[in-house]
């Protein structure tokens, strides 16, 4: 069994408890990357986004184990998530 990764405290302040690697006991470097992520997301190529989403839909449509009903439900769930405005925790739509 592989070791569990460190878990963040969900405290965005710079004074929050640092993450400790359970295997080594050493601090795990971390940084608040929300601004960088927002910058990169704002400059995303709409055609690349469309192609990515289409690839996910194709993956669902051709999944070898999902039933037709499960595929339809997964596609409906993905489409519903894409209709939502971005939330406070990330780009979920």
N, C-alpha and C. Protein backbone atom coordinates (compact mmCIF):
# COMPACT_ATOMS: atom_id res chain seq x y z
N UNK A 1 0.85 -1.17 0.00
CA UNK A 1 0.00 0.00 0.00
C UNK A 1 0.90 1.24 0.00
N UNK A 2 0.59 2.19 -0.86
CA UNK A 2 1.40 3.40 -0.92
C UNK A 2 0.99 4.36 0.19
N UNK A 3 1.93 5.21 0.63
CA UNK A 3 1.60 6.15 1.70
C UNK A 3 0.58 7.18 1.22
N UNK A 4 -0.23 7.65 2.15
CA UNK A 4 -1.22 8.66 1.82
C UNK A 4 -0.53 10.01 1.62
N UNK A 5 -1.01 10.81 0.67
CA UNK A 5 -0.41 12.13 0.47
C UNK A 5 -0.80 13.06 1.62
N UNK A 6 -0.05 14.14 1.82
CA UNK A 6 -0.43 15.09 2.86
C UNK A 6 -1.77 15.73 2.52
N UNK A 7 -2.48 16.13 3.53
CA UNK A 7 -3.80 16.71 3.34
C UNK A 7 -3.78 18.17 3.76
N UNK A 8 -4.26 19.09 2.90
CA UNK A 8 -4.27 20.51 3.26
C UNK A 8 -5.32 20.80 4.32
N UNK A 9 -5.12 21.87 5.05
CA UNK A 9 -6.05 22.24 6.11
C UNK A 9 -7.21 23.07 5.60
N UNK A 10 -7.19 23.48 4.34
CA UNK A 10 -8.19 24.36 3.74
C UNK A 10 -8.14 25.76 4.34
N UNK A 11 -7.05 26.07 5.00
CA UNK A 11 -6.84 27.41 5.55
C UNK A 11 -5.95 28.14 4.56
N UNK A 12 -6.49 29.14 3.82
CA UNK A 12 -5.71 29.81 2.79
C UNK A 12 -4.69 30.81 3.31
N UNK A 13 -4.66 31.06 4.61
CA UNK A 13 -3.73 32.07 5.12
C UNK A 13 -2.30 31.55 5.06
N UNK A 14 -1.34 32.46 4.88
CA UNK A 14 0.06 32.03 4.81
C UNK A 14 0.55 31.44 6.12
N UNK A 15 -0.17 31.70 7.21
CA UNK A 15 0.25 31.18 8.51
C UNK A 15 -0.37 29.82 8.84
N UNK A 16 -1.05 29.22 7.87
CA UNK A 16 -1.69 27.93 8.14
C UNK A 16 -0.63 26.87 8.37
N UNK A 17 -1.02 25.79 8.98
CA UNK A 17 -0.10 24.71 9.30
C UNK A 17 0.52 24.16 8.03
N UNK A 18 1.83 23.95 8.04
CA UNK A 18 2.47 23.41 6.83
C UNK A 18 2.21 21.92 6.73
N UNK A 19 2.27 21.43 5.51
CA UNK A 19 2.06 20.02 5.25
C UNK A 19 3.32 19.24 5.58
N UNK A 20 3.14 18.08 6.18
CA UNK A 20 4.27 17.23 6.54
C UNK A 20 4.13 15.90 5.80
N UNK A 21 5.20 15.48 5.14
CA UNK A 21 5.23 14.19 4.45
C UNK A 21 5.20 13.10 5.51
N UNK A 22 4.19 12.22 5.45
CA UNK A 22 4.04 11.19 6.48
C UNK A 22 5.18 10.17 6.45
N UNK A 23 5.79 10.01 5.29
CA UNK A 23 6.86 9.01 5.17
C UNK A 23 8.19 9.54 5.69
N UNK A 24 8.52 10.78 5.34
CA UNK A 24 9.83 11.33 5.72
C UNK A 24 9.78 12.22 6.95
N UNK A 25 8.60 12.73 7.29
CA UNK A 25 8.48 13.66 8.40
C UNK A 25 8.95 15.06 8.06
N UNK A 26 9.30 15.28 6.79
CA UNK A 26 9.80 16.58 6.35
C UNK A 26 8.65 17.45 5.85
N UNK A 27 8.81 18.77 5.95
CA UNK A 27 7.79 19.66 5.39
C UNK A 27 7.69 19.49 3.87
N UNK A 28 6.48 19.61 3.37
CA UNK A 28 6.22 19.52 1.94
C UNK A 28 6.08 20.94 1.42
N UNK A 29 6.90 21.32 0.43
CA UNK A 29 6.77 22.68 -0.10
C UNK A 29 5.38 22.89 -0.71
N UNK A 30 4.81 24.03 -0.45
CA UNK A 30 3.51 24.34 -1.02
C UNK A 30 3.42 25.84 -1.27
N UNK A 31 2.49 26.21 -2.14
CA UNK A 31 2.30 27.62 -2.46
C UNK A 31 0.86 27.83 -2.88
N UNK A 32 0.37 29.03 -2.67
CA UNK A 32 -0.97 29.39 -3.10
C UNK A 32 -0.89 29.74 -4.59
N UNK A 33 -1.45 28.88 -5.42
CA UNK A 33 -1.36 29.04 -6.87
C UNK A 33 -2.66 29.52 -7.49
N UNK A 34 -3.60 30.02 -6.66
CA UNK A 34 -4.90 30.43 -7.19
C UNK A 34 -4.78 31.56 -8.21
N UNK A 35 -3.94 32.55 -7.95
CA UNK A 35 -3.81 33.65 -8.91
C UNK A 35 -3.22 33.17 -10.22
N UNK A 36 -2.22 32.32 -10.15
CA UNK A 36 -1.61 31.77 -11.37
C UNK A 36 -2.63 30.93 -12.14
N UNK A 37 -3.40 30.11 -11.42
CA UNK A 37 -4.42 29.29 -12.06
C UNK A 37 -5.46 30.18 -12.74
N UNK A 38 -5.90 31.23 -12.07
CA UNK A 38 -6.89 32.15 -12.65
C UNK A 38 -6.33 32.81 -13.91
N UNK A 39 -5.06 33.21 -13.87
CA UNK A 39 -4.43 33.83 -15.03
C UNK A 39 -4.38 32.85 -16.20
N UNK A 40 -3.96 31.63 -15.93
CA UNK A 40 -3.89 30.63 -17.00
C UNK A 40 -5.27 30.27 -17.53
N UNK A 41 -6.24 30.18 -16.62
CA UNK A 41 -7.60 29.84 -17.04
C UNK A 41 -8.19 30.94 -17.92
N UNK A 42 -7.89 32.19 -17.59
CA UNK A 42 -8.44 33.31 -18.36
C UNK A 42 -7.87 33.34 -19.78
N UNK A 43 -6.68 32.80 -19.94
CA UNK A 43 -6.05 32.83 -21.26
C UNK A 43 -6.24 31.52 -22.03
N UNK A 44 -7.15 30.67 -21.56
CA UNK A 44 -7.36 29.38 -22.20
C UNK A 44 -7.92 29.55 -23.61
N UNK A 45 -7.52 28.64 -24.47
CA UNK A 45 -7.98 28.62 -25.87
C UNK A 45 -9.36 27.97 -25.92
N UNK A 46 -10.39 28.70 -26.35
CA UNK A 46 -11.75 28.13 -26.40
C UNK A 46 -11.83 26.86 -27.26
N UNK A 47 -11.09 26.81 -28.34
CA UNK A 47 -11.11 25.62 -29.19
C UNK A 47 -10.49 24.43 -28.46
N UNK A 48 -9.43 24.67 -27.69
CA UNK A 48 -8.81 23.59 -26.91
C UNK A 48 -9.77 23.11 -25.82
N UNK A 49 -10.48 24.05 -25.19
CA UNK A 49 -11.48 23.67 -24.18
C UNK A 49 -12.56 22.79 -24.80
N UNK A 50 -13.07 23.22 -25.97
CA UNK A 50 -14.11 22.44 -26.64
C UNK A 50 -13.62 21.04 -26.98
N UNK A 51 -12.39 20.95 -27.49
CA UNK A 51 -11.81 19.65 -27.85
C UNK A 51 -11.64 18.77 -26.61
N UNK A 52 -11.23 19.36 -25.49
CA UNK A 52 -11.07 18.61 -24.25
C UNK A 52 -12.41 18.05 -23.80
N UNK A 53 -13.44 18.89 -23.80
CA UNK A 53 -14.77 18.45 -23.36
C UNK A 53 -15.30 17.37 -24.30
N UNK A 54 -15.12 17.55 -25.60
CA UNK A 54 -15.55 16.53 -26.56
C UNK A 54 -14.83 15.21 -26.31
N UNK A 55 -13.55 15.27 -25.95
CA UNK A 55 -12.81 14.03 -25.68
C UNK A 55 -13.37 13.31 -24.46
N UNK A 56 -13.82 14.08 -23.46
CA UNK A 56 -14.42 13.47 -22.27
C UNK A 56 -15.77 12.84 -22.62
N UNK A 57 -16.55 13.54 -23.45
CA UNK A 57 -17.83 12.97 -23.88
C UNK A 57 -17.61 11.69 -24.68
N UNK A 58 -16.61 11.69 -25.55
CA UNK A 58 -16.30 10.50 -26.34
C UNK A 58 -15.86 9.36 -25.43
N UNK A 59 -15.08 9.69 -24.40
CA UNK A 59 -14.63 8.67 -23.45
C UNK A 59 -15.84 8.03 -22.76
N UNK A 60 -16.82 8.84 -22.39
CA UNK A 60 -18.03 8.31 -21.75
C UNK A 60 -18.82 7.47 -22.75
N UNK A 61 -19.00 7.98 -23.96
CA UNK A 61 -19.80 7.26 -24.97
C UNK A 61 -19.22 5.89 -25.33
N UNK A 62 -17.89 5.76 -25.25
CA UNK A 62 -17.25 4.51 -25.67
C UNK A 62 -16.73 3.68 -24.50
N UNK A 63 -17.09 4.04 -23.28
CA UNK A 63 -16.60 3.30 -22.11
C UNK A 63 -17.06 1.85 -22.20
N UNK A 64 -16.14 0.89 -22.06
CA UNK A 64 -16.50 -0.51 -22.29
C UNK A 64 -17.33 -1.15 -21.18
N UNK A 65 -17.39 -0.55 -20.01
CA UNK A 65 -18.09 -1.19 -18.90
C UNK A 65 -19.42 -0.52 -18.57
N UNK A 66 -19.54 0.79 -18.80
CA UNK A 66 -20.78 1.49 -18.47
C UNK A 66 -21.95 1.01 -19.33
N UNK A 67 -23.10 0.89 -18.71
CA UNK A 67 -24.31 0.56 -19.47
C UNK A 67 -24.76 1.80 -20.22
N UNK A 68 -25.69 1.62 -21.15
CA UNK A 68 -26.22 2.76 -21.90
C UNK A 68 -26.84 3.78 -20.96
N UNK A 69 -27.56 3.30 -19.94
CA UNK A 69 -28.19 4.21 -18.97
C UNK A 69 -27.13 4.97 -18.17
N UNK A 70 -26.06 4.27 -17.76
CA UNK A 70 -24.98 4.93 -17.02
C UNK A 70 -24.29 5.97 -17.88
N UNK A 71 -24.10 5.65 -19.17
CA UNK A 71 -23.47 6.60 -20.09
C UNK A 71 -24.34 7.85 -20.23
N UNK A 72 -25.64 7.65 -20.42
CA UNK A 72 -26.55 8.79 -20.55
C UNK A 72 -26.53 9.65 -19.28
N UNK A 73 -26.52 9.00 -18.12
CA UNK A 73 -26.50 9.73 -16.85
C UNK A 73 -25.20 10.51 -16.70
N UNK A 74 -24.08 9.90 -17.06
CA UNK A 74 -22.78 10.58 -16.94
C UNK A 74 -22.71 11.78 -17.89
N UNK A 75 -23.21 11.63 -19.09
CA UNK A 75 -23.22 12.74 -20.05
C UNK A 75 -24.12 13.86 -19.55
N UNK A 76 -25.29 13.50 -19.02
CA UNK A 76 -26.21 14.52 -18.49
C UNK A 76 -25.56 15.26 -17.31
N UNK A 77 -24.87 14.52 -16.45
CA UNK A 77 -24.19 15.15 -15.31
C UNK A 77 -23.10 16.11 -15.77
N UNK A 78 -22.32 15.69 -16.75
CA UNK A 78 -21.26 16.55 -17.28
C UNK A 78 -21.86 17.81 -17.91
N UNK A 79 -22.88 17.64 -18.70
CA UNK A 79 -23.52 18.80 -19.34
C UNK A 79 -24.09 19.77 -18.28
N UNK A 80 -24.67 19.23 -17.22
CA UNK A 80 -25.22 20.08 -16.16
C UNK A 80 -24.10 20.86 -15.47
N UNK A 81 -22.99 20.20 -15.19
CA UNK A 81 -21.86 20.88 -14.55
C UNK A 81 -21.29 21.98 -15.44
N UNK A 82 -21.31 21.76 -16.74
CA UNK A 82 -20.78 22.75 -17.66
C UNK A 82 -21.69 23.97 -17.78
N UNK A 83 -22.96 23.82 -17.41
CA UNK A 83 -23.90 24.95 -17.46
C UNK A 83 -23.77 25.87 -16.25
N UNK A 84 -23.21 25.38 -15.15
CA UNK A 84 -23.10 26.17 -13.92
C UNK A 84 -22.03 27.24 -14.05
N UNK A 85 -22.25 28.40 -13.41
CA UNK A 85 -21.18 29.41 -13.38
C UNK A 85 -20.04 28.91 -12.50
N UNK A 86 -18.82 29.42 -12.70
CA UNK A 86 -17.69 28.99 -11.86
C UNK A 86 -18.01 29.19 -10.38
N UNK A 87 -17.59 28.25 -9.57
CA UNK A 87 -17.81 28.33 -8.13
C UNK A 87 -16.63 28.94 -7.41
N UNK A 88 -16.75 29.15 -6.10
CA UNK A 88 -15.68 29.78 -5.34
C UNK A 88 -14.45 28.90 -5.17
N UNK A 89 -14.59 27.58 -5.39
CA UNK A 89 -13.47 26.69 -5.19
C UNK A 89 -12.77 26.30 -6.47
N UNK A 90 -13.20 26.83 -7.60
CA UNK A 90 -12.52 26.48 -8.83
C UNK A 90 -13.38 26.71 -10.04
N UNK A 91 -12.92 26.17 -11.17
CA UNK A 91 -13.57 26.47 -12.44
C UNK A 91 -14.78 25.61 -12.75
N UNK A 92 -15.33 24.88 -11.77
CA UNK A 92 -16.49 24.04 -12.07
C UNK A 92 -17.61 24.91 -12.62
N UNK A 93 -18.19 24.48 -13.71
CA UNK A 93 -19.27 25.26 -14.36
C UNK A 93 -20.54 24.49 -14.37
